[in-house]
Amino acid sequence: MFANKRYITCGISHAITKEIQLALWTMIDNLRASTDIEVDYLHVFRLSIQGGKQKIIHRQEQPAYCNEILVAFIWNPVENAKIFVIDDGTHSTMMLAEEY
């Protein structure tokens, strides 16, 4: 999973900075590199601001996984976004939840 071509939707391109996009792909890659956790085809990210930092919650359903990080602002923060990253076997797509 997630070892194929990667795409983003127009909504992601307009609403989410490249730095945050890269951070989300990296979080998936880090999970893939872990030998302890199987990677699901669907990942959900929730972005918000907490305590002056960018909060990113990364989840998958099967098997259950959740990771939460706070990042100091080095780019434009995103206040409220839900992002899906889906792997269909031939490519991976990052999209805003409302684009699904």
C-alpha atoms as a PDB file:
ATOM      1  CA  MET A   1       0.000   0.000   0.000  1.00  0.00           C
ATOM      2  CA  PHE A   2       1.021   3.578  -0.761  1.00  0.00           C
ATOM      3  CA  ALA A   3       4.107   2.577  -2.757  1.00  0.00           C
ATOM      4  CA  ASN A   4       2.649   3.794  -6.057  1.00  0.00           C
ATOM      5  CA  LYS A   5       2.082   7.123  -7.840  1.00  0.00           C
ATOM      6  CA  ARG A   6       0.637   9.855  -5.641  1.00  0.00           C
ATOM      7  CA  TYR A   7      -1.939  12.443  -6.597  1.00  0.00           C
ATOM      8  CA  ILE A   8      -3.690  15.360  -4.945  1.00  0.00           C
ATOM      9  CA  THR A   9      -7.063  16.855  -5.796  1.00  0.00           C
ATOM     10  CA  CYS A  10      -7.715  20.498  -6.686  1.00  0.00           C
ATOM     11  CA  GLY A  11      -9.145  21.053  -3.200  1.00  0.00           C
ATOM     12  CA  ILE A  12      -5.922  19.885  -1.563  1.00  0.00           C
ATOM     13  CA  SER A  13      -3.859  21.989  -3.955  1.00  0.00           C
ATOM     14  CA  HIS A  14      -5.807  25.131  -3.045  1.00  0.00           C
ATOM     15  CA  ALA A  15      -6.427  24.607   0.682  1.00  0.00           C
ATOM     16  CA  ILE A  16      -3.411  22.715   2.036  1.00  0.00           C
ATOM     17  CA  THR A  17       0.160  23.992   1.772  1.00  0.00           C
ATOM     18  CA  LYS A  18       2.770  21.814   0.113  1.00  0.00           C
ATOM     19  CA  GLU A  19       4.610  21.549   3.439  1.00  0.00           C
ATOM     20  CA  ILE A  20       1.554  20.055   5.161  1.00  0.00           C
ATOM     21  CA  GLN A  21       0.895  17.767   2.189  1.00  0.00           C
ATOM     22  CA  LEU A  22       4.454  16.488   2.451  1.00  0.00           C
ATOM     23  CA  ALA A  23       4.084  16.024   6.218  1.00  0.00           C
ATOM     24  CA  LEU A  24       0.964  13.873   5.703  1.00  0.00           C
ATOM     25  CA  TRP A  25       2.637  11.688   3.039  1.00  0.00           C
ATOM     26  CA  THR A  26       5.627  11.340   5.384  1.00  0.00           C
ATOM     27  CA  MET A  27       3.390  10.205   8.242  1.00  0.00           C
ATOM     28  CA  ILE A  28       2.021   7.446   5.983  1.00  0.00           C
ATOM     29  CA  ASP A  29       5.550   6.507   4.875  1.00  0.00           C
ATOM     30  CA  ASN A  30       6.684   6.311   8.503  1.00  0.00           C
ATOM     31  CA  LEU A  31       3.783   4.000   9.294  1.00  0.00           C
ATOM     32  CA  ARG A  32       4.662   1.832   6.264  1.00  0.00           C
ATOM     33  CA  ALA A  33       8.264   1.614   7.512  1.00  0.00           C
ATOM     34  CA  SER A  34       7.074   0.318  10.882  1.00  0.00           C
ATOM     35  CA  THR A  35       7.112  -3.465  11.017  1.00  0.00           C
ATOM     36  CA  ASP A  36       4.546  -3.513  13.825  1.00  0.00           C
ATOM     37  CA  ILE A  37       1.500  -2.097  12.009  1.00  0.00           C
ATOM     38  CA  GLU A  38      -0.271  -3.219   8.854  1.00  0.00           C
ATOM     39  CA  VAL A  39      -1.204  -0.297   6.597  1.00  0.00           C
ATOM     40  CA  ASP A  40      -4.869   0.127   5.593  1.00  0.00           C
ATOM     41  CA  TYR A  41      -5.971   1.481   2.201  1.00  0.00           C
ATOM     42  CA  LEU A  42      -7.665   4.509   3.815  1.00  0.00           C
ATOM     43  CA  HIS A  43      -6.037   7.100   6.065  1.00  0.00           C
ATOM     44  CA  VAL A  44      -7.836  10.020   7.676  1.00  0.00           C
ATOM     45  CA  PHE A  45      -6.138  13.201   8.831  1.00  0.00           C
ATOM     46  CA  ARG A  46      -7.750  15.948  10.913  1.00  0.00           C
ATOM     47  CA  LEU A  47      -6.009  19.300  11.004  1.00  0.00           C
ATOM     48  CA  SER A  48      -6.651  21.995  13.583  1.00  0.00           C
ATOM     49  CA  ILE A  49      -4.819  24.598  15.622  1.00  0.00           C
ATOM     50  CA  GLN A  50      -4.049  23.973  19.281  1.00  0.00           C
ATOM     51  CA  GLY A  51      -1.987  26.153  21.562  1.00  0.00           C
ATOM     52  CA  GLY A  52      -0.519  28.140  18.670  1.00  0.00           C
ATOM     53  CA  LYS A  53       0.608  24.980  16.847  1.00  0.00           C
ATOM     54  CA  GLN A  54      -0.652  22.892  13.942  1.00  0.00           C
ATOM     55  CA  LYS A  55      -2.343  19.782  15.307  1.00  0.00           C
ATOM     56  CA  ILE A  56      -2.441  16.725  13.026  1.00  0.00           C
ATOM     57  CA  ILE A  57      -4.364  13.585  13.976  1.00  0.00           C
ATOM     58  CA  HIS A  58      -3.605  10.597  11.727  1.00  0.00           C
ATOM     59  CA  ARG A  59      -5.930   7.570  11.824  1.00  0.00           C
ATOM     60  CA  GLN A  60      -6.653   4.352  10.026  1.00  0.00           C
ATOM     61  CA  GLU A  61      -9.441   1.895  10.803  1.00  0.00           C
ATOM     62  CA  GLN A  62      -8.078  -1.621  10.175  1.00  0.00           C
ATOM     63  CA  PRO A  63      -6.048  -2.312  12.113  1.00  0.00           C
ATOM     64  CA  ALA A  64      -6.835   0.559  14.434  1.00  0.00           C
ATOM     65  CA  TYR A  65      -4.113   3.203  14.502  1.00  0.00           C
ATOM     66  CA  CYS A  66      -3.986   6.770  15.763  1.00  0.00           C
ATOM     67  CA  ASN A  67      -1.093   9.210  15.986  1.00  0.00           C
ATOM     68  CA  GLU A  68      -1.369  12.828  17.081  1.00  0.00           C
ATOM     69  CA  ILE A  69       1.324  15.465  16.644  1.00  0.00           C
ATOM     70  CA  LEU A  70       1.707  19.178  17.270  1.00  0.00           C
ATOM     71  CA  VAL A  71       3.972  21.131  14.943  1.00  0.00           C
ATOM     72  CA  ALA A  72       5.239  24.694  15.419  1.00  0.00           C
ATOM     73  CA  PHE A  73       4.042  26.998  12.634  1.00  0.00           C
ATOM     74  CA  ILE A  74       6.610  27.136   9.866  1.00  0.00           C
ATOM     75  CA  TRP A  75       3.927  27.485   7.204  1.00  0.00           C
ATOM     76  CA  ASN A  76       0.337  28.729   7.021  1.00  0.00           C
ATOM     77  CA  PRO A  77      -1.656  26.697   9.544  1.00  0.00           C
ATOM     78  CA  VAL A  78      -4.931  24.988   8.661  1.00  0.00           C
ATOM     79  CA  GLU A  79      -7.722  25.611  11.158  1.00  0.00           C
ATOM     80  CA  ASN A  80     -10.250  22.898  10.370  1.00  0.00           C
ATOM     81  CA  ALA A  81      -9.789  20.237   7.707  1.00  0.00           C
ATOM     82  CA  LYS A  82     -10.496  16.562   7.265  1.00  0.00           C
ATOM     83  CA  ILE A  83      -8.364  14.823   4.642  1.00  0.00           C
ATOM     84  CA  PHE A  84      -8.655  11.339   3.167  1.00  0.00           C
ATOM     85  CA  VAL A  85      -5.718   9.530   1.576  1.00  0.00           C
ATOM     86  CA  ILE A  86      -6.838   6.467  -0.378  1.00  0.00           C
ATOM     87  CA  ASP A  87      -4.772   3.770  -2.080  1.00  0.00           C
ATOM     88  CA  ASP A  88      -6.683   1.831  -4.763  1.00  0.00           C
ATOM     89  CA  GLY A  89      -3.793  -0.458  -5.682  1.00  0.00           C
ATOM     90  CA  THR A  90      -2.627   1.533  -8.713  1.00  0.00           C
ATOM     91  CA  HIS A  91      -2.310   5.033  -7.241  1.00  0.00           C
ATOM     92  CA  SER A  92      -2.768   7.007  -4.016  1.00  0.00           C
ATOM     93  CA  THR A  93      -4.961  10.099  -3.829  1.00  0.00           C
ATOM     94  CA  MET A  94      -5.069  12.816  -1.179  1.00  0.00           C
ATOM     95  CA  MET A  95      -8.402  14.685  -1.043  1.00  0.00           C
ATOM     96  CA  LEU A  96     -10.462  16.884   1.199  1.00  0.00           C
ATOM     97  CA  ALA A  97     -13.330  14.985   2.846  1.00  0.00           C
ATOM     98  CA  GLU A  98     -15.891  17.127   1.029  1.00  0.00           C
ATOM     99  CA  GLU A  99     -14.395  16.044  -2.310  1.00  0.00           C
ATOM    100  CA  TYR A 100     -15.094  12.349  -1.643  1.00  0.00           C
END
